[in-house]
Amino acid sequence: MQIQADYYDGKSARRAAATMTIVGRVVVVSRDGFSSEYAIDAVRVQSRLRGAPRRVDFPDGSAAITDDHAAIEAAFGVASAQTLAHRLESHLGFVFTAIIGVVVAMVLGYMYGVPWVAREVAERLPDGIESQLAEVSMKSLDQAFFEPTALDSDTRKKIADGFDTLRASTDLPKTVRLEFRDGGWIGANALALPGGVVVVTDQLVEAMPGVDETLAVLAHELGHVRHRHSLRHLLQDSITALAASAIYGDVASLTSIAVTAPTVLAHNGYSRDFEREADAFAFDLLKKIGRSPKAFASAMTSLEKAHEEQPRDPNKLRRKIGLPDKEPAAEKPKERKRPQGEKSDFSYLSTHPATSERIRAAEQAAGAP
C-alpha cells in the first residue's frame, strides 16, 4: 500500500513530496531520491481531527502529513474515529455548545472568580507592600488632583479627634490615619486608600451640616478600610498585573498597580456589595460610639443639595461648630484647573451609587433597637 504525503525532516521547515509504502510491518518513506525505513510499531499516528490532515510521526523526529485518511486507517489499523475528541468535534452542535460554555465560564470567572482572587490576595498581601501602595497612591493623587487643605486648624482638629474616636472603637490599627485635602475640581469627596489612609476633601466637609455628618461619612470610609475594599478594587481592575505576578512569582511587581491608583480610586465607584458592606459597618460603628446613623442619611441628603458647586465661605465651618469668624487667610495658591474634556460630575455621589437606597438603610438602622 502506498500513501502520498508531505515529508518534514524535523530539522528545518522544508517540505518534500514523499511516498509512504507499507511492506509487512515496515514503513518505507521515499523522497528526493532517498528512502528511510521504520518499524510500523515505532510509528505514531496522530488522532484525526475534523477537516485537518493526518500527521504521522517517525522515531527519528521526522513526520509526514497527508489527508488520505482512509489509506492511513487501513495501513496502520487505526479507527476512523478512535478518540472521544474526534467524535465530539465532528458534531457542530457540540462545538457551538462548547463555545457558549467557554463564554459563560469567562463571564462567571470575571463576575465571581476575579473578585474571589482579589479578596484572597488582599487578605494575604504583606502590610509593607500595602503601605507602599498607600504612600505612592497618596503622592500620585496629590500630583494629579489635590491641593493642600484650606480648612482652619480648629475645624481639622475637631474632625480628626472624632475620627480617632471612630478608629479606636474598631479593631483597625493605629496606623490608620486621616488626611485633609482641597479637592479642587474633584469637589466633595472622600476615599480610602490601601494601607489605611482616609482622605476627605474640604468641599465635602463644607457641604455637611455639621461634624456629625462628616464623621458619618468617615465611618463609611473606615468600613472600606476594614474590609480592604480599595485594595481589592485595585486588584480587580489590575487583573493582568496580578496574573503576571502569580505566574512569575514577582510579588513586588504589584506595586506597579499604584501607577493606576489615582484614576481607579478617584474615578471609579465601588460595587454595590462593597458600598452596602461599608454602610453597614458605619451604622454599627456610629451606634457603638453613641451617634445615630441618621447622621449618615443627613450627610447623603446634604451632598445631594450641594451637588451644584457653591461659592466657598472660609468661616462657614467655624459657624457650624460654634467658633467665631476668623480673619481671611493669605491668598491660597491658584486652584488646579480641570483638564479639558474631563467630566465635572466628580462628586462623592457620582462615585457612590444608589443614594436614596442608602438613606433608607441609614434611617432603618437608626430605628433598630
Protein backbone atom coordinates (compact mmCIF):
# COMPACT_ATOMS: atom_id res chain seq x y z
CA MET A 1 0.00 0.00 0.00
CA GLN A 2 1.32 3.43 -0.97
CA ILE A 3 0.25 6.76 0.57
CA GLN A 4 1.18 10.18 -0.85
CA ALA A 5 2.27 12.70 1.77
CA ASP A 6 4.31 15.81 2.54
CA TYR A 7 7.53 14.98 4.40
CA TYR A 8 9.35 17.13 7.01
CA ASP A 9 12.75 16.05 8.30
CA GLY A 10 12.23 17.66 11.74
CA LYS A 11 15.34 19.83 11.33
CA SER A 12 14.03 22.51 9.00
CA ALA A 13 10.74 23.84 7.64
CA ARG A 14 11.47 22.43 4.20
CA ARG A 15 8.69 20.33 2.74
CA ALA A 16 9.29 17.43 0.35
CA ALA A 17 6.84 15.30 -1.59
CA ALA A 18 7.06 11.73 -0.32
CA THR A 19 5.52 8.30 -0.70
CA MET A 20 4.89 6.03 2.27
CA THR A 21 4.93 2.34 1.30
CA ILE A 22 3.74 -0.26 3.78
CA VAL A 23 5.62 -3.56 3.38
CA GLY A 24 4.58 -6.04 6.04
CA ARG A 25 5.46 -4.46 9.39
CA VAL A 26 7.78 -1.86 7.86
CA VAL A 27 7.06 1.67 6.61
CA VAL A 28 9.31 2.87 3.79
CA VAL A 29 9.36 6.63 3.20
CA SER A 30 10.75 7.70 -0.19
CA ARG A 31 11.52 11.35 -1.08
CA ASP A 32 14.08 13.27 -3.17
CA GLY A 33 15.81 10.03 -4.22
CA PHE A 34 16.25 8.91 -0.60
CA SER A 35 14.36 6.40 1.47
CA SER A 36 14.04 5.57 5.17
CA GLU A 37 12.62 2.51 6.85
CA TYR A 38 10.76 2.40 10.16
CA ALA A 39 9.17 -0.41 12.13
CA ILE A 40 5.43 0.11 11.96
CA ASP A 41 5.16 -0.34 15.72
CA ALA A 42 7.53 2.65 16.23
CA VAL A 43 5.40 4.96 14.08
CA ARG A 44 2.86 7.15 15.87
CA VAL A 45 -0.29 8.26 14.05
CA GLN A 46 -1.93 11.41 15.41
CA SER A 47 -5.64 11.31 16.19
CA ARG A 48 -7.93 12.53 13.47
CA LEU A 49 -9.43 16.00 13.75
CA ARG A 50 -12.31 17.20 11.64
CA GLY A 51 -11.12 18.77 8.36
CA ALA A 52 -7.43 18.60 9.32
CA PRO A 53 -4.79 16.41 7.60
CA ARG A 54 -3.35 13.43 9.48
CA ARG A 55 0.17 13.58 10.92
CA VAL A 56 2.41 10.54 11.11
CA ASP A 57 5.45 10.85 13.43
CA PHE A 58 8.57 8.74 12.92
CA PRO A 59 11.05 7.79 15.67
CA ASP A 60 13.88 9.97 14.25
CA GLY A 61 11.82 13.17 14.67
CA SER A 62 10.66 13.44 11.09
CA ALA A 63 6.99 13.45 10.12
CA ALA A 64 4.63 13.00 7.21
CA ILE A 65 1.37 14.89 6.62
CA THR A 66 -1.45 13.53 4.50
CA ASP A 67 -5.18 13.98 4.06
CA ASP A 68 -5.69 10.41 2.82
CA HIS A 69 -7.44 9.34 5.99
CA ALA A 70 -8.87 6.12 4.54
CA ALA A 71 -5.42 4.86 3.50
CA ILE A 72 -3.88 5.78 6.89
CA GLU A 73 -6.66 4.00 8.77
CA ALA A 74 -6.30 0.89 6.59
CA ALA A 75 -2.48 0.81 6.64
CA PHE A 76 -1.96 1.44 10.33
CA GLY A 77 -5.13 -0.18 11.65
CA VAL A 78 -6.50 2.90 13.37
CA ALA A 79 -10.21 3.54 13.71
CA SER A 80 -11.80 6.36 11.71
CA ALA A 81 -12.97 7.93 14.98
CA GLN A 82 -10.60 6.49 17.52
CA THR A 83 -10.86 9.24 20.15
CA LEU A 84 -13.63 11.00 22.05
CA ALA A 85 -12.19 14.34 20.89
CA HIS A 86 -12.68 13.39 17.24
CA ARG A 87 -16.23 12.25 17.81
CA LEU A 88 -17.14 15.39 19.74
CA GLU A 89 -15.53 17.90 17.40
CA SER A 90 -17.24 16.25 14.45
CA HIS A 91 -20.65 17.38 15.75
CA LEU A 92 -21.40 21.06 15.18
CA GLY A 93 -23.97 21.05 17.98
CA PHE A 94 -21.32 20.11 20.49
CA VAL A 95 -18.90 22.69 19.05
CA PHE A 96 -21.45 25.50 19.47
CA THR A 97 -22.32 24.27 22.95
CA ALA A 98 -18.65 24.26 23.87
CA ILE A 99 -18.21 27.83 22.59
CA ILE A 100 -21.20 29.01 24.62
CA GLY A 101 -19.80 27.14 27.64
CA VAL A 102 -16.45 28.88 27.29
CA VAL A 103 -18.13 32.30 27.07
CA VAL A 104 -20.29 31.56 30.12
CA ALA A 105 -17.23 30.33 32.03
CA MET A 106 -15.36 33.53 31.17
CA VAL A 107 -18.27 35.72 32.30
CA LEU A 108 -18.70 33.80 35.55
CA GLY A 109 -14.96 33.89 36.09
CA TYR A 110 -14.96 37.66 35.69
CA MET A 111 -18.01 38.15 37.91
CA TYR A 112 -17.08 35.73 40.69
CA GLY A 113 -13.60 34.34 40.09
CA VAL A 114 -11.75 37.65 39.78
CA PRO A 115 -13.36 39.15 42.94
CA TRP A 116 -12.56 35.96 44.85
CA VAL A 117 -8.92 36.03 43.75
CA ALA A 118 -8.68 39.75 44.58
CA ARG A 119 -10.12 39.15 48.07
CA GLU A 120 -7.77 36.25 48.79
CA VAL A 121 -4.71 38.17 47.58
CA ALA A 122 -5.74 41.30 49.51
CA GLU A 123 -6.06 39.32 52.73
CA ARG A 124 -2.60 37.82 52.29
CA LEU A 125 -0.66 40.75 50.89
CA PRO A 126 2.17 41.80 53.24
CA ASP A 127 1.49 45.01 55.19
CA GLY A 128 4.69 46.56 53.85
CA ILE A 129 3.55 46.35 50.24
CA GLU A 130 0.11 47.72 51.10
CA SER A 131 1.70 50.64 52.96
CA GLN A 132 3.92 51.30 49.97
CA LEU A 133 0.84 51.34 47.74
CA ALA A 134 -0.79 53.86 50.11
CA GLU A 135 2.15 56.26 50.03
CA VAL A 136 2.63 56.04 46.27
CA SER A 137 -1.11 56.45 45.70
CA MET A 138 -1.30 59.47 48.03
CA LYS A 139 1.62 61.12 46.26
CA SER A 140 0.07 60.47 42.86
CA LEU A 141 -3.32 61.83 43.96
CA ASP A 142 -1.64 64.98 45.29
CA GLN A 143 0.10 65.49 41.97
CA ALA A 144 -2.95 64.74 39.83
CA PHE A 145 -5.93 66.11 41.74
CA PHE A 146 -5.44 67.60 45.18
CA GLU A 147 -4.18 70.85 46.69
CA PRO A 148 -3.22 71.48 50.34
CA THR A 149 -6.24 71.83 52.61
CA ALA A 150 -7.61 75.30 53.32
CA LEU A 151 -9.58 74.20 56.40
CA ASP A 152 -8.56 76.02 59.57
CA SER A 153 -6.78 74.11 62.32
CA ASP A 154 -9.74 74.17 64.74
CA THR A 155 -12.04 72.52 62.22
CA ARG A 156 -9.44 69.92 61.30
CA LYS A 157 -8.76 69.12 64.95
CA LYS A 158 -12.42 68.62 65.78
CA ILE A 159 -12.89 66.26 62.85
CA ALA A 160 -9.57 64.46 63.48
CA ASP A 161 -10.48 63.89 67.14
CA GLY A 162 -13.80 62.41 66.08
CA PHE A 163 -12.03 60.23 63.53
CA ASP A 164 -9.65 58.94 66.23
CA THR A 165 -12.66 58.06 68.38
CA LEU A 166 -14.18 56.14 65.49
CA ARG A 167 -10.97 54.27 64.75
CA ALA A 168 -10.36 53.44 68.41
CA SER A 169 -13.78 51.74 68.52
CA THR A 170 -12.75 49.29 65.80
CA ASP A 171 -10.06 46.63 65.51
CA LEU A 172 -8.19 48.75 62.98
CA PRO A 173 -4.53 49.55 63.77
CA LYS A 174 -3.38 52.95 64.99
CA THR A 175 -1.57 53.46 61.69
CA VAL A 176 -4.92 54.19 60.02
CA ARG A 177 -4.88 57.95 59.52
CA LEU A 178 -6.94 60.85 58.17
CA GLU A 179 -5.69 63.29 55.52
CA PHE A 180 -7.34 66.62 54.62
CA ARG A 181 -7.07 67.92 51.07
CA ASP A 182 -8.61 70.61 48.90
CA GLY A 183 -10.35 68.54 46.26
CA GLY A 184 -10.11 71.26 43.62
CA TRP A 185 -12.21 70.40 40.59
CA ILE A 186 -12.97 66.95 42.03
CA GLY A 187 -15.13 68.66 44.65
CA ALA A 188 -16.83 66.96 47.57
CA ASN A 189 -15.35 63.52 48.01
CA ALA A 190 -13.83 61.10 50.49
CA LEU A 191 -11.90 57.94 49.76
CA ALA A 192 -9.98 55.18 51.49
CA LEU A 193 -6.59 54.21 50.10
CA PRO A 194 -4.93 50.82 50.52
CA GLY A 195 -2.92 50.75 53.73
CA GLY A 196 -5.45 52.61 55.85
CA VAL A 197 -5.23 56.21 54.60
CA VAL A 198 -8.58 58.03 54.53
CA VAL A 199 -8.77 61.26 52.56
CA VAL A 200 -11.55 63.85 52.92
CA THR A 201 -11.79 66.97 50.78
CA ASP A 202 -12.53 70.47 52.05
CA GLN A 203 -15.54 70.61 49.78
CA LEU A 204 -17.15 67.55 51.38
CA VAL A 205 -16.61 68.96 54.88
CA GLU A 206 -18.12 72.28 53.82
CA ALA A 207 -21.15 70.52 52.34
CA MET A 208 -22.01 68.88 55.66
CA PRO A 209 -24.45 70.48 58.15
CA GLY A 210 -22.03 69.67 60.98
CA VAL A 211 -19.25 67.48 62.29
CA ASP A 212 -21.58 64.53 62.97
CA GLU A 213 -22.37 64.20 59.27
CA THR A 214 -18.69 64.41 58.32
CA LEU A 215 -17.85 61.69 60.83
CA ALA A 216 -20.67 59.53 59.46
CA VAL A 217 -19.02 59.68 56.02
CA LEU A 218 -15.63 58.89 57.57
CA ALA A 219 -17.16 55.91 59.40
CA HIS A 220 -18.24 54.64 55.99
CA GLU A 221 -14.69 55.06 54.67
CA LEU A 222 -13.36 53.16 57.69
CA GLY A 223 -15.67 50.36 56.57
CA HIS A 224 -13.81 50.29 53.26
CA VAL A 225 -10.52 50.18 55.18
CA ARG A 226 -11.72 47.37 57.44
CA HIS A 227 -12.79 45.19 54.52
CA ARG A 228 -9.81 46.24 52.34
CA HIS A 229 -12.16 47.29 49.56
CA SER A 230 -9.72 49.74 47.97
CA LEU A 231 -7.00 47.13 47.59
CA ARG A 232 -9.48 44.55 46.30
CA HIS A 233 -10.86 47.12 43.86
CA LEU A 234 -7.37 47.93 42.57
CA LEU A 235 -6.53 44.25 42.22
CA GLN A 236 -9.73 43.55 40.32
CA ASP A 237 -9.03 46.42 37.93
CA SER A 238 -5.42 45.31 37.54
CA ILE A 239 -6.03 41.62 36.95
CA THR A 240 -3.41 41.48 34.18
CA ALA A 241 -0.68 42.65 36.51
CA LEU A 242 -1.96 40.26 39.16
CA ALA A 243 -1.86 37.32 36.75
CA ALA A 244 1.71 38.19 35.72
CA SER A 245 2.72 38.35 39.39
CA ALA A 246 1.19 34.94 40.04
CA ILE A 247 2.90 33.40 37.00
CA TYR A 248 6.35 34.85 37.59
CA GLY A 249 6.21 34.95 41.39
CA ASP A 250 7.18 38.62 41.45
CA VAL A 251 5.05 39.98 44.31
CA ALA A 252 6.99 43.26 44.24
CA SER A 253 5.60 43.97 40.77
CA LEU A 254 2.22 44.52 42.41
CA THR A 255 3.49 47.98 43.30
CA SER A 256 3.06 48.85 39.63
CA ILE A 257 -0.69 48.87 40.35
CA ALA A 258 -0.08 52.15 42.17
CA VAL A 259 0.51 53.81 38.80
CA THR A 260 -3.20 53.42 38.02
CA ALA A 261 -4.39 54.03 41.57
CA PRO A 262 -5.26 57.74 41.22
CA THR A 263 -7.55 57.13 38.25
CA VAL A 264 -9.14 53.99 39.70
CA LEU A 265 -9.70 55.42 43.17
CA ALA A 266 -10.89 58.86 42.10
CA HIS A 267 -12.97 57.95 39.05
CA ASN A 268 -14.48 54.58 39.84
CA GLY A 269 -17.09 53.74 42.44
CA TYR A 270 -17.13 50.56 44.44
CA SER A 271 -19.52 47.75 43.70
CA ARG A 272 -22.93 47.85 45.37
CA ASP A 273 -21.88 44.98 47.62
CA PHE A 274 -18.82 46.92 48.78
CA GLU A 275 -20.93 50.01 49.46
CA ARG A 276 -23.55 48.09 51.41
CA GLU A 277 -20.84 46.38 53.45
CA ALA A 278 -19.17 49.71 54.26
CA ASP A 279 -22.53 51.32 55.08
CA ALA A 280 -23.46 48.52 57.48
CA PHE A 281 -20.05 48.86 59.15
CA ALA A 282 -20.60 52.62 59.51
CA PHE A 283 -24.08 52.23 61.03
CA ASP A 284 -22.82 49.76 63.63
CA LEU A 285 -19.79 51.93 64.40
CA LEU A 286 -21.85 55.09 64.84
CA LYS A 287 -24.22 53.36 67.25
CA LYS A 288 -21.25 51.91 69.10
CA ILE A 289 -19.91 55.38 69.93
CA GLY A 290 -23.34 56.75 70.78
CA ARG A 291 -24.11 58.50 67.48
CA SER A 292 -27.14 57.94 65.30
CA PRO A 293 -26.93 56.50 61.76
CA LYS A 294 -29.36 59.30 60.87
CA ALA A 295 -26.23 61.46 60.56
CA PHE A 296 -25.28 59.38 57.53
CA ALA A 297 -28.70 59.89 55.97
CA SER A 298 -28.34 63.63 56.64
CA ALA A 299 -24.89 63.58 55.03
CA MET A 300 -26.22 61.96 51.86
CA THR A 301 -29.10 64.44 51.69
CA SER A 302 -26.70 67.37 52.15
CA LEU A 303 -24.44 66.08 49.39
CA GLU A 304 -27.40 65.91 47.03
CA LYS A 305 -28.29 69.51 47.84
CA ALA A 306 -24.68 70.60 47.38
CA HIS A 307 -24.37 68.79 44.06
CA GLU A 308 -24.05 72.09 42.25
CA GLU A 309 -20.80 73.89 43.04
CA GLN A 310 -21.29 76.74 45.54
CA PRO A 311 -19.03 79.71 46.40
CA ARG A 312 -16.73 78.88 49.31
CA ASP A 313 -17.03 80.67 52.65
CA PRO A 314 -13.91 80.19 54.82
CA ASN A 315 -15.92 80.83 58.00
CA LYS A 316 -18.86 78.60 57.12
CA LEU A 317 -17.49 75.62 59.02
CA ARG A 318 -16.48 77.64 62.07
CA ARG A 319 -20.03 78.92 62.44
CA LYS A 320 -21.39 75.37 62.21
CA ILE A 321 -19.29 74.17 65.13
CA GLY A 322 -19.80 77.29 67.24
CA LEU A 323 -16.49 79.09 66.62
CA PRO A 324 -16.14 82.81 65.87
CA ASP A 325 -15.28 84.02 62.39
CA LYS A 326 -11.62 84.05 61.56
CA GLU A 327 -9.75 86.70 59.61
CA PRO A 328 -9.29 85.71 55.95
CA ALA A 329 -6.10 83.75 55.41
CA ALA A 330 -3.47 84.72 52.94
CA GLU A 331 -4.47 84.11 49.37
CA LYS A 332 -4.19 80.42 48.64
CA PRO A 333 -2.45 79.07 45.53
CA LYS A 334 -4.50 79.14 42.38
CA GLU A 335 -6.73 76.09 42.04
CA ARG A 336 -5.59 73.42 39.66
CA LYS A 337 -7.87 73.62 36.63
CA ARG A 338 -9.95 70.72 35.46
CA PRO A 339 -8.39 69.01 32.41
CA GLN A 340 -10.17 69.81 29.17
CA GLY A 341 -12.83 67.23 28.41
CA GLU A 342 -12.87 65.81 31.97
CA LYS A 343 -16.33 65.41 33.46
CA SER A 344 -17.22 67.91 36.12
CA ASP A 345 -19.59 65.47 37.83
CA PHE A 346 -16.88 64.13 40.09
CA SER A 347 -18.55 64.41 43.48
CA TYR A 348 -18.93 61.81 46.19
CA LEU A 349 -22.40 61.00 44.89
CA SER A 350 -21.13 60.40 41.36
CA THR A 351 -18.77 57.68 42.60
CA HIS A 352 -21.14 56.15 45.17
CA PRO A 353 -24.36 54.68 43.73
CA ALA A 354 -27.96 54.31 44.99
CA THR A 355 -28.11 57.33 47.32
CA SER A 356 -31.83 57.00 48.11
CA GLU A 357 -31.41 53.33 48.99
CA ARG A 358 -28.54 54.17 51.34
CA ILE A 359 -30.53 56.92 53.03
CA ARG A 360 -33.38 54.48 53.70
CA ALA A 361 -30.93 51.92 55.09
CA ALA A 362 -29.42 54.52 57.44
CA GLU A 363 -32.85 55.57 58.70
CA GLN A 364 -33.83 51.94 59.25
CA ALA A 365 -30.57 51.30 61.13
CA ALA A 366 -31.25 54.31 63.34
CA GLY A 367 -34.67 52.98 64.21
CA ALA A 368 -33.42 49.48 65.00
CA PRO A 369 -33.08 48.63 68.70
